[in-house]
Amino acid sequence: MILKGAEAARFFAKPDAAKAGLLIFGADTMRVALRRQEVIAALIGPEGEAEMRLTRMAAADLRRDPAMLMDAIKAQGFFPGPRVAFVEDAGDAHAPVIAAALKDWKAGDAQIVVTAGSLTAKSALRKVFEPAPHAVCIGLYDDPPSREEIEDTLRRAGLYAIDPSAMTDLTALARALDPGDFRQTVEKISLYKHGDATPLSSADVAAMAPTTVEAEVDEVLHAAAEHRADQIAPLMRRLEGQGVQPVALCIAALRHFRTLHAAASHPGGAAEGIARMRPPVFGPRRDRMLRQAQGWGMHRLEQALGLLVETDLTLRSATRAPQMAVMERAMIRLAMMRR
C-alpha cells in the first residue's frame, strides 16, 4: 500500500497497528529520520525503548545474519505492549529477507519499520511493500511541507495562538530550512514563548529565525539604504574593531541591494517580490526592506549595484588604498544617493 501527502502525514501521527510493516525512503536522511522517530514513538509510546520493546538492527548486520529480523519479530519481551523491529538503511539486497518476514507476520508480532535512501520505481524493496495489503510504503521527497504538516509541528511544540503574519513567516521558513533545522527553530520559539499567553507575532519569529548576517553589519546596510550617511562612520569603526573584513562587508551589501532590486523589479510589485525572497525575509526586517525597495526604485538600485560591483573589484585588485576606507566611502556614497 502506497501513502502520499496528507494520508502519509496522518499515518505517521497515528499508525495502524494492524499493518505488519512500514517502509520509509527518501534522499533526505534527516527527513526520513524525523518521520521514523515519529512513527515509532506513536507505535510503542515514549517508554517503549526503555522497556526494550524496540529492536534496532543495521542493514549490514541483517545481511550477515538474515534470521535476526525473524527472531526480533517473534521474540516476546519482558514488558507488555506493542513492539517494533527497526531495520535502518536497508537496500534492495535485503528485500528477500524482509519479504519473508512480512509473509510470516501474524497479529501480536513486532511491527517492522524499515528506512532506506533513494529508491527507484523498480526497486526490489519497494516491490515488497507496495503491493502488500498489510504493509505501507511512503516516499519522502524534497517537496515543501504542507500547511497541515507545519501546523502539526507547531501543535507538538505547544504553539496554538499564532498571528496570520507569523504563520506566513513560519511557512516561508519551513520552505527555506531543512526539516530538522525547522523543527529546532520551532522548539526554540516554543521556549521563547513559554509562559507568554500572547499570540505568536511576526517579530517573535524574526527574533528566533536563523540569521546569516551579523546585526552590526545589517545595521550599517540599513543606514546606507535609508540615507543615514552621518551614522555610517561610527558603525564602520565598530565593524572594523570586531574584525569584519571589507570584502565580506561588500558581499553583504551586494546581497542586500540585490534583494532590494529583485523586490523593486518584481512584476507584481515590491511587496510580492519581498514575499517571494529565498531565503525569506522576516518580520520587521521585511517591512523595513520593503520601504527601502519602494523608496529607491529599480533604476536607482541598479546604480547602487553598479557602485558596489566597482567597489568589490577595487577591493580585490592590487590597489594600495586602505580597504576599509574604500568600503566606507562606498557606503557613504550609497547613503547620499537620494531620489
Protein backbone atom coordinates (compact mmCIF):
# COMPACT_ATOMS: atom_id res chain seq x y z
CA MET A 1 0.00 0.00 0.00
CA ILE A 2 1.36 3.41 -1.02
CA LEU A 3 0.51 6.51 1.03
CA LYS A 4 1.22 10.09 -0.01
CA GLY A 5 0.64 13.63 1.19
CA ALA A 6 -1.94 14.12 3.92
CA GLU A 7 -2.64 10.38 4.19
CA ALA A 8 1.04 9.73 4.90
CA ALA A 9 1.17 12.52 7.49
CA ARG A 10 -1.86 11.09 9.28
CA PHE A 11 -0.33 7.61 9.25
CA PHE A 12 2.90 8.89 10.80
CA ALA A 13 0.93 10.58 13.59
CA LYS A 14 -1.42 7.65 14.17
CA PRO A 15 -0.11 4.43 12.56
CA ASP A 16 -2.36 1.42 12.04
CA ALA A 17 -1.36 -1.33 14.50
CA ALA A 18 -2.82 -3.94 12.13
CA LYS A 19 -0.17 -3.23 9.49
CA ALA A 20 2.77 -5.61 9.53
CA GLY A 21 5.39 -3.27 8.16
CA LEU A 22 6.28 0.23 7.03
CA LEU A 23 8.94 1.34 4.54
CA ILE A 24 10.09 4.97 4.68
CA PHE A 25 12.54 6.00 1.96
CA GLY A 26 13.96 9.26 0.62
CA ALA A 27 17.14 11.11 -0.29
CA ASP A 28 16.94 13.46 2.71
CA THR A 29 18.20 11.36 5.62
CA MET A 30 17.09 13.94 8.19
CA ARG A 31 13.53 13.96 6.85
CA VAL A 32 13.44 10.15 6.92
CA ALA A 33 14.90 10.02 10.44
CA LEU A 34 12.37 12.50 11.82
CA ARG A 35 9.44 10.59 10.37
CA ARG A 36 10.85 7.29 11.60
CA GLN A 37 11.19 8.68 15.12
CA GLU A 38 7.63 9.99 14.99
CA VAL A 39 6.03 6.74 13.83
CA ILE A 40 8.00 4.52 16.24
CA ALA A 41 7.07 6.77 19.17
CA ALA A 42 3.42 6.57 18.08
CA LEU A 43 3.61 2.76 17.89
CA ILE A 44 5.34 1.91 21.17
CA GLY A 45 4.91 5.08 23.22
CA PRO A 46 7.51 7.28 24.92
CA GLU A 47 8.74 4.48 27.21
CA GLY A 48 8.87 1.78 24.54
CA GLU A 49 12.61 1.88 24.01
CA ALA A 50 13.33 1.98 27.76
CA GLU A 51 11.08 -1.08 28.17
CA MET A 52 13.07 -2.91 25.47
CA ARG A 53 10.11 -3.07 23.08
CA LEU A 54 12.23 -1.65 20.24
CA THR A 55 14.82 -3.80 18.46
CA ARG A 56 17.25 -1.89 16.24
CA MET A 57 19.32 -3.59 13.57
CA ALA A 58 21.61 -2.16 10.93
CA ALA A 59 21.11 -3.38 7.39
CA ALA A 60 24.70 -4.66 7.27
CA ASP A 61 24.09 -6.85 10.34
CA LEU A 62 20.88 -8.18 8.83
CA ARG A 63 22.74 -9.18 5.70
CA ARG A 64 25.23 -11.19 7.76
CA ASP A 65 22.52 -12.80 9.88
CA PRO A 66 19.20 -12.99 7.95
CA ALA A 67 17.46 -14.75 10.86
CA MET A 68 17.92 -11.66 13.03
CA LEU A 69 14.75 -9.96 11.74
CA MET A 70 12.52 -13.01 12.18
CA ASP A 71 13.86 -13.52 15.71
CA ALA A 72 13.11 -9.90 16.58
CA ILE A 73 9.55 -10.16 15.23
CA LYS A 74 8.68 -13.33 17.12
CA ALA A 75 10.54 -12.62 20.39
CA GLN A 76 8.43 -11.89 23.48
CA GLY A 77 9.60 -9.05 25.68
CA PHE A 78 9.54 -8.82 29.47
CA PHE A 79 7.26 -5.75 29.39
CA PRO A 80 3.79 -5.95 27.81
CA GLY A 81 2.82 -3.72 24.90
CA PRO A 82 3.38 -3.33 21.18
CA ARG A 83 6.86 -3.98 19.81
CA VAL A 84 8.83 -2.72 16.80
CA ALA A 85 11.67 -4.27 14.82
CA PHE A 86 13.53 -1.43 13.12
CA VAL A 87 15.85 -2.00 10.13
CA GLU A 88 17.99 1.01 9.29
CA ASP A 89 19.44 1.91 5.85
CA ALA A 90 18.09 -1.12 4.02
CA GLY A 91 18.56 -1.69 0.30
CA ASP A 92 17.34 -3.94 -2.47
CA ALA A 93 19.69 -6.71 -1.30
CA HIS A 94 17.61 -7.04 1.88
CA ALA A 95 14.31 -7.40 0.02
CA PRO A 96 14.12 -11.25 0.20
CA VAL A 97 14.71 -11.33 3.98
CA ILE A 98 12.16 -8.58 4.65
CA ALA A 99 9.65 -10.16 2.27
CA ALA A 100 9.90 -13.47 4.14
CA ALA A 101 9.38 -11.70 7.48
CA LEU A 102 6.29 -9.89 6.19
CA LYS A 103 4.88 -13.13 4.81
CA ASP A 104 5.23 -14.93 8.17
CA TRP A 105 3.99 -11.97 10.23
CA LYS A 106 0.96 -12.61 12.46
CA ALA A 107 -1.08 -10.42 14.78
CA GLY A 108 0.84 -9.91 18.02
CA ASP A 109 4.25 -9.96 16.34
CA ALA A 110 6.51 -6.91 16.38
CA GLN A 111 5.77 -4.46 13.60
CA ILE A 112 8.52 -3.95 11.04
CA VAL A 113 9.78 -0.43 10.32
CA VAL A 114 12.35 -0.12 7.52
CA THR A 115 14.18 3.03 6.38
CA ALA A 116 16.09 3.44 3.14
CA GLY A 117 17.67 6.09 0.96
CA SER A 118 16.59 6.93 -2.57
CA LEU A 119 14.78 4.04 -4.25
CA THR A 120 13.75 3.89 -7.89
CA ALA A 121 10.28 2.85 -9.01
CA LYS A 122 11.67 -0.57 -9.94
CA SER A 123 13.34 -1.09 -6.56
CA ALA A 124 13.00 -4.64 -5.22
CA LEU A 125 12.48 -3.28 -1.71
CA ARG A 126 9.61 -1.09 -2.84
CA LYS A 127 8.08 -4.04 -4.66
CA VAL A 128 7.93 -5.90 -1.34
CA PHE A 129 5.86 -3.20 0.41
CA GLU A 130 3.81 -1.52 -2.32
CA PRO A 131 1.60 -4.43 -3.40
CA ALA A 132 1.19 -5.90 0.10
CA PRO A 133 -2.19 -5.02 1.65
CA HIS A 134 -0.81 -5.42 5.18
CA ALA A 135 2.24 -3.16 4.60
CA VAL A 136 2.72 0.54 3.91
CA CYS A 137 5.26 2.28 1.66
CA ILE A 138 5.88 6.04 2.00
CA GLY A 139 8.39 8.02 -0.06
CA LEU A 140 9.66 11.35 1.27
CA TYR A 141 10.74 13.87 -1.33
CA ASP A 142 12.08 17.43 -1.26
CA ASP A 143 8.61 18.94 -1.64
CA PRO A 144 7.96 21.85 0.74
CA PRO A 145 5.91 20.91 3.81
CA SER A 146 2.17 21.37 3.59
CA ARG A 147 0.19 23.74 5.81
CA GLU A 148 -1.11 20.71 7.71
CA GLU A 149 2.43 19.45 8.43
CA ILE A 150 3.56 22.90 9.61
CA GLU A 151 0.54 23.25 11.90
CA ASP A 152 1.17 19.77 13.29
CA THR A 153 4.78 20.70 14.11
CA LEU A 154 3.59 23.86 15.86
CA ARG A 155 0.99 21.96 17.89
CA ARG A 156 3.59 19.44 19.02
CA ALA A 157 5.71 22.36 20.26
CA GLY A 158 2.74 23.78 22.19
CA LEU A 159 2.20 26.78 19.89
CA TYR A 160 -1.51 27.36 19.27
CA ALA A 161 -2.13 31.14 19.22
CA ILE A 162 -0.40 32.42 16.08
CA ASP A 163 -0.94 35.67 14.19
CA PRO A 164 -1.62 35.29 10.44
CA SER A 165 1.55 37.29 9.66
CA ALA A 166 3.59 34.97 11.89
CA MET A 167 2.09 31.95 10.14
CA THR A 168 3.14 33.41 6.80
CA ASP A 169 6.69 33.81 8.10
CA LEU A 170 6.74 30.27 9.51
CA THR A 171 5.54 28.87 6.18
CA ALA A 172 8.33 30.68 4.36
CA LEU A 173 10.82 29.48 6.99
CA ALA A 174 9.66 25.86 6.59
CA ARG A 175 10.29 26.09 2.85
CA ALA A 176 13.75 27.59 3.30
CA LEU A 177 15.15 25.32 6.04
CA ASP A 178 15.82 21.62 6.27
CA PRO A 179 13.16 19.72 8.26
CA GLY A 180 15.47 19.22 11.23
CA ASP A 181 16.51 22.88 11.30
CA PHE A 182 12.89 23.98 11.07
CA ARG A 183 11.88 21.74 13.95
CA GLN A 184 14.74 23.08 16.09
CA THR A 185 13.70 26.64 15.26
CA VAL A 186 10.10 25.88 16.28
CA GLU A 187 11.34 24.37 19.56
CA LYS A 188 13.42 27.49 20.17
CA ILE A 189 10.34 29.67 19.51
CA SER A 190 8.33 27.50 21.91
CA LEU A 191 10.90 28.06 24.68
CA TYR A 192 10.95 31.78 23.86
CA LYS A 193 7.15 31.96 24.26
CA HIS A 194 7.00 29.77 27.39
CA GLY A 195 4.70 31.44 29.91
CA ASP A 196 3.64 34.11 27.39
CA ALA A 197 -0.08 33.84 26.55
CA THR A 198 0.00 36.47 23.80
CA PRO A 199 -0.25 35.19 20.20
CA LEU A 200 2.99 34.44 18.39
CA SER A 201 3.86 37.50 16.32
CA SER A 202 5.95 38.10 13.24
CA ALA A 203 8.51 39.90 15.41
CA ASP A 204 8.85 36.78 17.60
CA VAL A 205 9.56 34.65 14.54
CA ALA A 206 12.10 37.18 13.29
CA ALA A 207 13.85 37.18 16.68
CA MET A 208 14.25 33.39 16.68
CA ALA A 209 14.81 32.74 12.95
CA PRO A 210 18.35 31.78 11.87
CA THR A 211 20.26 34.75 10.51
CA THR A 212 23.13 34.90 8.05
CA VAL A 213 24.35 38.47 8.64
CA GLU A 214 25.54 39.88 11.94
CA ALA A 215 23.33 42.57 13.47
CA GLU A 216 26.05 45.22 13.21
CA VAL A 217 26.56 44.50 9.50
CA ASP A 218 22.80 44.57 8.99
CA GLU A 219 22.57 47.94 10.71
CA VAL A 220 25.20 49.62 8.53
CA LEU A 221 23.45 48.28 5.42
CA HIS A 222 20.15 49.71 6.62
CA ALA A 223 21.86 53.03 7.33
CA ALA A 224 23.14 53.17 3.74
CA ALA A 225 19.80 52.11 2.26
CA GLU A 226 17.91 54.66 4.39
CA HIS A 227 20.25 57.58 3.52
CA ARG A 228 21.61 57.99 7.07
CA ALA A 229 25.12 58.99 5.97
CA ASP A 230 26.03 60.53 9.35
CA GLN A 231 25.71 57.13 11.09
CA ILE A 232 27.93 55.14 8.73
CA ALA A 233 31.35 56.20 10.06
CA PRO A 234 30.67 55.16 13.70
CA LEU A 235 29.15 51.86 12.56
CA MET A 236 32.14 51.18 10.31
CA ARG A 237 34.52 51.79 13.23
CA ARG A 238 32.63 49.20 15.29
CA LEU A 239 32.75 46.67 12.47
CA GLU A 240 36.46 47.26 11.96
CA GLY A 241 37.06 46.74 15.68
CA GLN A 242 35.19 43.43 15.51
CA GLY A 243 37.40 42.20 12.68
CA VAL A 244 34.85 42.34 9.86
CA GLN A 245 36.69 42.27 6.54
CA PRO A 246 35.86 44.91 3.87
CA VAL A 247 35.33 42.24 1.19
CA ALA A 248 32.87 40.38 3.42
CA LEU A 249 31.02 43.64 4.09
CA CYS A 250 30.90 44.38 0.36
CA ILE A 251 29.45 40.92 -0.33
CA ALA A 252 26.79 41.51 2.33
CA ALA A 253 25.96 44.90 0.81
CA LEU A 254 25.65 43.35 -2.65
CA ARG A 255 23.31 40.70 -1.25
CA HIS A 256 21.20 43.33 0.49
CA PHE A 257 20.86 45.62 -2.52
CA ARG A 258 20.24 42.70 -4.89
CA THR A 259 17.33 41.73 -2.65
CA LEU A 260 16.00 45.29 -2.84
CA HIS A 261 16.45 45.31 -6.61
CA ALA A 262 14.66 41.97 -7.02
CA ALA A 263 11.75 43.28 -4.96
CA ALA A 264 11.57 46.63 -6.76
CA SER A 265 11.68 44.99 -10.21
CA HIS A 266 9.11 42.26 -9.45
CA PRO A 267 6.15 42.40 -11.89
CA GLY A 268 3.69 42.04 -9.02
CA GLY A 269 5.17 44.91 -7.04
CA ALA A 270 7.77 45.24 -4.29
CA ALA A 271 5.51 43.66 -1.63
CA GLU A 272 5.08 40.48 -3.65
CA GLY A 273 8.77 40.49 -4.54
CA ILE A 274 9.77 40.61 -0.86
CA ALA A 275 7.30 37.85 -0.04
CA ARG A 276 8.91 35.54 -2.62
CA MET A 277 12.50 36.05 -1.46
CA ARG A 278 14.63 32.94 -0.91
CA PRO A 279 15.94 32.81 1.74
CA PRO A 280 12.88 34.54 3.18
CA VAL A 281 12.91 37.93 4.91
CA PHE A 282 11.03 38.03 8.23
CA GLY A 283 9.11 40.35 10.48
CA PRO A 284 10.12 44.00 10.97
CA ARG A 285 13.17 43.50 8.74
CA ARG A 286 10.85 42.54 5.88
CA ASP A 287 8.77 45.71 6.35
CA ARG A 288 11.92 47.79 6.57
CA MET A 289 13.38 46.36 3.37
CA LEU A 290 10.04 46.79 1.60
CA ARG A 291 10.10 50.51 2.41
CA GLN A 292 13.70 50.71 1.19
CA ALA A 293 12.87 48.99 -2.12
CA GLN A 294 9.90 51.26 -2.71
CA GLY A 295 11.90 54.36 -1.82
CA TRP A 296 14.88 53.57 -4.06
CA GLY A 297 13.12 52.28 -7.15
CA MET A 298 14.51 49.80 -9.65
CA HIS A 299 16.70 52.17 -11.68
CA ARG A 300 18.39 53.83 -8.70
CA LEU A 301 19.07 50.39 -7.23
CA GLU A 302 20.79 49.40 -10.47
CA GLN A 303 23.13 52.37 -9.98
CA ALA A 304 23.76 51.26 -6.39
CA LEU A 305 24.63 47.73 -7.55
CA GLY A 306 26.99 49.17 -10.15
CA LEU A 307 28.78 51.14 -7.43
CA LEU A 308 29.08 48.05 -5.22
CA VAL A 309 30.41 45.87 -8.05
CA GLU A 310 33.01 48.54 -8.83
CA THR A 311 33.97 48.66 -5.14
CA ASP A 312 34.25 44.88 -4.99
CA LEU A 313 36.61 44.87 -7.97
CA THR A 314 38.71 47.61 -6.34
CA LEU A 315 38.96 45.66 -3.07
CA ARG A 316 40.10 42.54 -4.93
CA SER A 317 42.63 44.42 -7.07
CA ALA A 318 46.22 45.36 -6.29
CA THR A 319 45.23 48.84 -5.07
CA ARG A 320 47.24 50.26 -2.20
CA ALA A 321 44.31 52.27 -0.83
CA PRO A 322 43.14 51.23 2.68
CA GLN A 323 40.39 48.71 2.02
CA MET A 324 38.14 49.69 4.91
CA ALA A 325 38.35 53.33 3.81
CA VAL A 326 37.35 52.29 0.26
CA MET A 327 34.37 50.39 1.64
CA GLU A 328 33.35 53.23 3.95
CA ARG A 329 33.48 55.70 1.05
CA ALA A 330 31.21 53.39 -0.98
CA MET A 331 28.69 53.13 1.86
CA ILE A 332 28.59 56.92 2.27
CA ARG A 333 28.08 57.35 -1.49
CA LEU A 334 25.18 54.88 -1.30
CA ALA A 335 23.65 56.81 1.61
CA MET A 336 23.84 60.03 -0.39
CA MET A 337 22.11 58.62 -3.47
CA ARG A 338 18.80 60.36 -2.86
CA ARG A 339 15.85 60.28 -5.21
